Amino acid sequence: MGCHLGECHYLEGNYRAQARVEAIRIALENCGIDPERFRMEWVSSAEATRFVDAVGRFSAHIKELGPNPLRVRKVEEKVEEKEVA
């Protein structure tokens, strides 16, 4: 999350974050992670309700996507290692 564009006391930080969003999505995809597991939201510190709503929606979305495939793969590899040993 970041401040609304043009409203951040860090001046340019949220613009830099916005510019990085697509790069992050590409990096996730290259690592085998669905880029839908990443989301950028613009929320001011005065928007508590909006913050709670955004976190709730994203949490529900992640639950719909299911477990992180990299974590599942790692657990499967550990199980295979134990079976071989």
C-alpha atoms as a PDB file:
ATOM      1  CA  MET A   1       0.000   0.000   0.000  1.00  0.00           C
ATOM      2  CA  GLY A   2       1.037   3.530  -0.541  1.00  0.00           C
ATOM      3  CA  CYS A   3      -0.249   7.059  -0.219  1.00  0.00           C
ATOM      4  CA  HIS A   4      -2.465   8.379  -2.973  1.00  0.00           C
ATOM      5  CA  LEU A   5      -0.378   9.729  -5.828  1.00  0.00           C
ATOM      6  CA  GLY A   6       0.474  13.369  -5.233  1.00  0.00           C
ATOM      7  CA  GLU A   7      -0.414  13.175  -1.531  1.00  0.00           C
ATOM      8  CA  CYS A   8       2.633  11.585   0.100  1.00  0.00           C
ATOM      9  CA  HIS A   9       4.821  13.461   2.568  1.00  0.00           C
ATOM     10  CA  TYR A  10       7.729  11.443   1.147  1.00  0.00           C
ATOM     11  CA  LEU A  11       7.030  13.322  -2.108  1.00  0.00           C
ATOM     12  CA  GLU A  12       8.102  10.870  -4.821  1.00  0.00           C
ATOM     13  CA  GLY A  13       8.087   7.502  -3.029  1.00  0.00           C
ATOM     14  CA  ASN A  14       4.659   6.454  -4.186  1.00  0.00           C
ATOM     15  CA  TYR A  15       5.491   7.344  -7.795  1.00  0.00           C
ATOM     16  CA  ARG A  16       8.614   5.187  -7.583  1.00  0.00           C
ATOM     17  CA  ALA A  17       6.520   2.363  -6.134  1.00  0.00           C
ATOM     18  CA  GLN A  18       4.020   2.711  -8.968  1.00  0.00           C
ATOM     19  CA  ALA A  19       6.838   2.427 -11.495  1.00  0.00           C
ATOM     20  CA  ARG A  20       8.054  -0.779  -9.833  1.00  0.00           C
ATOM     21  CA  VAL A  21       4.683  -2.548  -9.801  1.00  0.00           C
ATOM     22  CA  GLU A  22       4.969  -4.015 -13.297  1.00  0.00           C
ATOM     23  CA  ALA A  23       8.569  -5.076 -12.706  1.00  0.00           C
ATOM     24  CA  ILE A  24       7.491  -6.883  -9.539  1.00  0.00           C
ATOM     25  CA  ARG A  25       4.684  -8.664 -11.398  1.00  0.00           C
ATOM     26  CA  ILE A  26       7.137  -9.805 -14.096  1.00  0.00           C
ATOM     27  CA  ALA A  27       9.665 -10.984 -11.485  1.00  0.00           C
ATOM     28  CA  LEU A  28       6.988 -12.974  -9.654  1.00  0.00           C
ATOM     29  CA  GLU A  29       5.834 -14.602 -12.858  1.00  0.00           C
ATOM     30  CA  ASN A  30       9.433 -15.491 -13.774  1.00  0.00           C
ATOM     31  CA  CYS A  31       9.765 -17.190 -10.382  1.00  0.00           C
ATOM     32  CA  GLY A  32       6.616 -19.248 -10.960  1.00  0.00           C
ATOM     33  CA  ILE A  33       4.366 -17.189  -8.706  1.00  0.00           C
ATOM     34  CA  ASP A  34       1.027 -15.945  -9.996  1.00  0.00           C
ATOM     35  CA  PRO A  35       1.334 -12.128 -10.224  1.00  0.00           C
ATOM     36  CA  GLU A  36      -2.220 -11.961  -8.857  1.00  0.00           C
ATOM     37  CA  ARG A  37      -0.591 -12.624  -5.480  1.00  0.00           C
ATOM     38  CA  PHE A  38       0.660  -9.031  -5.581  1.00  0.00           C
ATOM     39  CA  ARG A  39      -1.497  -5.929  -5.510  1.00  0.00           C
ATOM     40  CA  MET A  40      -0.844  -2.227  -5.082  1.00  0.00           C
ATOM     41  CA  GLU A  41      -3.434  -0.119  -3.266  1.00  0.00           C
ATOM     42  CA  TRP A  42      -3.411   3.626  -2.696  1.00  0.00           C
ATOM     43  CA  VAL A  43      -4.694   4.448   0.789  1.00  0.00           C
ATOM     44  CA  SER A  44      -4.132   7.511   2.951  1.00  0.00           C
ATOM     45  CA  SER A  45      -3.490   7.325   6.679  1.00  0.00           C
ATOM     46  CA  ALA A  46      -6.920   8.913   7.201  1.00  0.00           C
ATOM     47  CA  GLU A  47      -8.726   6.062   5.403  1.00  0.00           C
ATOM     48  CA  ALA A  48      -8.858   3.342   8.044  1.00  0.00           C
ATOM     49  CA  THR A  49     -12.028   1.805   6.610  1.00  0.00           C
ATOM     50  CA  ARG A  50     -10.524   1.695   3.132  1.00  0.00           C
ATOM     51  CA  PHE A  51      -7.367   0.089   4.544  1.00  0.00           C
ATOM     52  CA  VAL A  52      -9.339  -2.625   6.343  1.00  0.00           C
ATOM     53  CA  ASP A  53     -11.453  -3.251   3.235  1.00  0.00           C
ATOM     54  CA  ALA A  54      -8.380  -3.527   0.989  1.00  0.00           C
ATOM     55  CA  VAL A  55      -6.658  -5.975   3.339  1.00  0.00           C
ATOM     56  CA  GLY A  56      -9.837  -8.055   3.640  1.00  0.00           C
ATOM     57  CA  ARG A  57     -10.371  -8.196  -0.128  1.00  0.00           C
ATOM     58  CA  PHE A  58      -6.752  -9.128  -0.775  1.00  0.00           C
ATOM     59  CA  SER A  59      -6.766 -11.804   1.935  1.00  0.00           C
ATOM     60  CA  ALA A  60      -9.912 -13.325   0.434  1.00  0.00           C
ATOM     61  CA  HIS A  61      -8.324 -13.214  -3.024  1.00  0.00           C
ATOM     62  CA  ILE A  62      -5.194 -15.004  -1.802  1.00  0.00           C
ATOM     63  CA  LYS A  63      -7.328 -17.683  -0.141  1.00  0.00           C
ATOM     64  CA  GLU A  64      -9.132 -18.198  -3.467  1.00  0.00           C
ATOM     65  CA  LEU A  65      -5.780 -18.648  -5.227  1.00  0.00           C
ATOM     66  CA  GLY A  66      -4.795 -21.336  -2.744  1.00  0.00           C
ATOM     67  CA  PRO A  67      -1.390 -22.190  -1.336  1.00  0.00           C
ATOM     68  CA  ASN A  68       1.743 -20.637  -2.744  1.00  0.00           C
ATOM     69  CA  PRO A  69       2.915 -23.119  -5.393  1.00  0.00           C
ATOM     70  CA  LEU A  70       6.566 -22.649  -4.428  1.00  0.00           C
ATOM     71  CA  ARG A  71       5.806 -23.538  -0.840  1.00  0.00           C
ATOM     72  CA  VAL A  72       3.799 -26.579  -1.926  1.00  0.00           C
ATOM     73  CA  ARG A  73       6.688 -27.702  -4.125  1.00  0.00           C
ATOM     74  CA  LYS A  74       9.138 -27.249  -1.238  1.00  0.00           C
ATOM     75  CA  VAL A  75       6.967 -29.356   1.089  1.00  0.00           C
ATOM     76  CA  GLU A  76       6.626 -32.053  -1.585  1.00  0.00           C
ATOM     77  CA  GLU A  77      10.416 -32.133  -2.027  1.00  0.00           C
ATOM     78  CA  LYS A  78      10.916 -32.581   1.737  1.00  0.00           C
ATOM     79  CA  VAL A  79       8.416 -35.448   1.757  1.00  0.00           C
ATOM     80  CA  GLU A  80      10.245 -37.089  -1.154  1.00  0.00           C
ATOM     81  CA  GLU A  81      13.571 -36.701   0.661  1.00  0.00           C
ATOM     82  CA  LYS A  82      12.176 -38.439   3.740  1.00  0.00           C
ATOM     83  CA  GLU A  83      10.741 -41.252   1.628  1.00  0.00           C
ATOM     84  CA  VAL A  84      14.123 -41.847  -0.044  1.00  0.00           C
ATOM     85  CA  ALA A  85      16.048 -41.823   3.253  1.00  0.00           C
END
